[in-house]
N, C-alpha and C. Protein backbone atom coordinates (compact mmCIF):
# COMPACT_ATOMS: atom_id res chain seq x y z
N MET A 1 -93.10 48.36 -182.35
CA MET A 1 -93.31 48.57 -183.39
C MET A 1 -91.97 48.64 -184.23
N PHE A 2 -91.35 48.24 -185.30
CA PHE A 2 -90.44 48.24 -185.68
C PHE A 2 -90.34 48.94 -187.23
N GLU A 3 -88.88 50.10 -186.98
CA GLU A 3 -89.19 50.97 -187.71
C GLU A 3 -88.34 50.26 -189.41
N TYR A 4 -88.45 50.53 -190.48
CA TYR A 4 -88.12 50.29 -191.58
C TYR A 4 -87.81 51.35 -192.61
N MET A 5 -86.76 50.45 -193.41
CA MET A 5 -85.95 51.85 -194.91
C MET A 5 -85.97 50.76 -195.35
N THR A 6 -86.14 52.11 -196.89
CA THR A 6 -86.36 51.27 -198.06
C THR A 6 -84.89 50.90 -199.00
N VAL A 7 -84.77 49.76 -199.65
CA VAL A 7 -83.50 49.75 -200.58
C VAL A 7 -82.53 50.70 -200.37
N GLN A 8 -83.65 52.47 -201.28
CA GLN A 8 -83.42 52.92 -201.76
C GLN A 8 -82.29 53.96 -200.40
N GLU A 9 -83.65 54.36 -199.44
CA GLU A 9 -82.91 54.87 -197.85
C GLU A 9 -81.52 53.98 -197.64
N ALA A 10 -81.14 52.74 -197.29
CA ALA A 10 -80.08 51.74 -197.48
C ALA A 10 -78.86 51.64 -197.74
N ALA A 11 -79.35 52.18 -199.20
CA ALA A 11 -78.17 52.64 -200.16
C ALA A 11 -77.83 53.63 -199.57
N LYS A 12 -78.53 55.01 -199.80
CA LYS A 12 -78.14 56.15 -199.79
C LYS A 12 -77.14 55.98 -198.35
N LYS A 13 -78.00 55.57 -196.96
CA LYS A 13 -77.07 55.44 -195.35
C LYS A 13 -75.25 54.89 -195.96
N TRP A 14 -76.05 53.81 -196.73
CA TRP A 14 -73.88 52.61 -196.49
C TRP A 14 -73.52 53.04 -197.44
N GLU A 15 -74.22 53.57 -198.10
CA GLU A 15 -72.94 53.98 -199.63
C GLU A 15 -72.88 53.06 -200.68
N LEU A 16 -73.23 52.25 -200.79
CA LEU A 16 -73.86 50.86 -201.10
C LEU A 16 -74.91 51.49 -202.45
N SER A 17 -75.01 50.87 -203.81
CA SER A 17 -75.94 50.55 -205.11
C SER A 17 -76.86 50.03 -204.94
N GLU A 18 -78.07 50.13 -204.96
CA GLU A 18 -79.93 49.85 -204.89
C GLU A 18 -79.68 48.18 -204.79
N ARG A 19 -78.93 47.75 -206.16
CA ARG A 19 -79.04 46.55 -206.18
C ARG A 19 -78.38 45.44 -205.59
N ARG A 20 -76.96 45.97 -205.07
CA ARG A 20 -76.10 45.67 -203.80
C ARG A 20 -76.91 45.10 -202.76
N ILE A 21 -77.57 46.77 -202.45
CA ILE A 21 -78.48 46.24 -200.88
C ILE A 21 -79.76 45.23 -201.37
N GLN A 22 -80.19 45.03 -202.74
CA GLN A 22 -81.10 43.89 -202.64
C GLN A 22 -80.67 42.34 -202.61
N LYS A 23 -79.52 42.30 -203.42
CA LYS A 23 -78.26 41.22 -203.10
C LYS A 23 -78.60 40.93 -201.98
N LEU A 24 -77.74 42.00 -201.43
CA LEU A 24 -77.68 41.25 -199.62
C LEU A 24 -78.77 40.54 -198.60
N CYS A 25 -79.79 41.37 -199.06
CA CYS A 25 -80.64 40.75 -198.42
C CYS A 25 -81.36 40.02 -199.36
N ALA A 26 -81.36 39.19 -200.44
CA ALA A 26 -81.49 38.21 -200.78
C ALA A 26 -80.59 36.82 -200.30
N ASP A 27 -80.23 37.40 -200.03
CA ASP A 27 -78.77 36.33 -199.88
C ASP A 27 -78.58 36.04 -198.18
N SER A 28 -79.67 36.82 -197.31
CA SER A 28 -80.04 36.83 -195.95
C SER A 28 -78.61 37.45 -195.05
N ARG A 29 -78.42 38.24 -195.70
CA ARG A 29 -76.63 39.32 -195.13
C ARG A 29 -76.76 39.52 -194.02
N ILE A 30 -78.27 41.16 -194.50
CA ILE A 30 -79.01 41.51 -193.42
C ILE A 30 -80.12 41.12 -192.27
N ASN A 31 -79.75 40.95 -191.63
CA ASN A 31 -80.77 41.17 -189.95
C ASN A 31 -81.49 41.11 -189.77
N GLY A 32 -83.19 40.69 -190.13
CA GLY A 32 -84.24 41.76 -189.89
C GLY A 32 -84.89 41.77 -190.87
N VAL A 33 -84.63 41.48 -192.31
CA VAL A 33 -84.75 42.07 -193.56
C VAL A 33 -86.22 41.80 -193.73
N VAL A 34 -87.43 41.86 -194.28
CA VAL A 34 -88.80 41.20 -194.60
C VAL A 34 -88.98 41.70 -196.23
N HIS A 35 -89.54 40.42 -196.30
CA HIS A 35 -89.69 40.90 -198.28
C HIS A 35 -91.03 40.75 -198.25
N LEU A 36 -91.61 41.27 -198.42
CA LEU A 36 -93.00 42.02 -198.98
C LEU A 36 -93.70 42.11 -200.57
N SER A 37 -93.86 40.97 -201.33
CA SER A 37 -93.98 40.58 -202.92
C SER A 37 -92.73 40.85 -203.44
N ARG A 38 -92.69 42.26 -203.96
CA ARG A 38 -91.35 43.19 -204.75
C ARG A 38 -90.42 43.91 -203.61
N VAL A 39 -90.86 44.01 -202.34
CA VAL A 39 -90.32 44.95 -201.47
C VAL A 39 -89.74 44.69 -201.04
N TRP A 40 -88.53 44.97 -200.29
CA TRP A 40 -87.71 45.12 -199.54
C TRP A 40 -87.62 45.69 -198.00
N LEU A 41 -87.92 45.43 -196.61
CA LEU A 41 -87.83 46.60 -195.82
C LEU A 41 -86.61 45.65 -195.27
N ILE A 42 -85.87 47.51 -194.56
CA ILE A 42 -84.57 46.64 -193.76
C ILE A 42 -84.92 47.58 -192.17
N PRO A 43 -85.32 46.98 -191.18
CA PRO A 43 -84.67 47.65 -190.31
C PRO A 43 -83.96 48.48 -189.68
N LYS A 44 -84.12 50.08 -189.04
CA LYS A 44 -83.07 51.50 -189.82
C LYS A 44 -82.87 50.97 -188.54
N ASP A 45 -82.38 49.92 -187.72
CA ASP A 45 -81.38 50.38 -186.98
C ASP A 45 -79.99 48.79 -187.53
N ALA A 46 -80.50 48.64 -188.49
CA ALA A 46 -79.86 47.32 -189.29
C ALA A 46 -78.14 47.81 -189.55
N GLU A 47 -76.92 46.65 -189.34
CA GLU A 47 -75.74 47.35 -189.31
C GLU A 47 -75.64 46.82 -190.86
N LYS A 48 -74.68 47.55 -191.23
CA LYS A 48 -73.80 47.37 -192.75
C LYS A 48 -73.54 45.83 -192.79
N PRO A 49 -73.84 45.43 -193.62
CA PRO A 49 -73.30 44.02 -193.18
C PRO A 49 -71.63 43.89 -193.82
N VAL A 50 -70.62 43.04 -193.47
CA VAL A 50 -69.16 43.42 -193.80
C VAL A 50 -68.73 43.15 -195.15
N ASP A 51 -68.21 43.47 -195.98
CA ASP A 51 -68.17 43.01 -197.21
C ASP A 51 -66.98 42.04 -197.23
N LYS A 52 -67.07 40.77 -197.69
CA LYS A 52 -66.87 40.40 -197.66
C LYS A 52 -65.96 39.70 -199.06
N ARG A 53 -65.62 41.03 -200.15
CA ARG A 53 -65.19 40.60 -201.36
C ARG A 53 -63.48 41.30 -200.96
N LYS A 54 -63.47 42.36 -199.71
CA LYS A 54 -62.40 43.40 -199.65
C LYS A 54 -61.30 41.94 -198.30
N LYS A 55 -59.88 42.35 -198.22
CA LYS A 55 -59.51 41.47 -198.00
C LYS A 55 -58.48 41.89 -196.94
């Protein structure tokens, strides 16, 4: 059984905004994400994506 966290939990864990997490999910930047209706479920063991905006 997989364990998931919400966008809010991921935002707190990775110190990012909820909107940024939603965008990463929509862009398939986080492995194993599940989209149910208006809810994103993120695996608890997912790695924080590398920020491509920084050099």
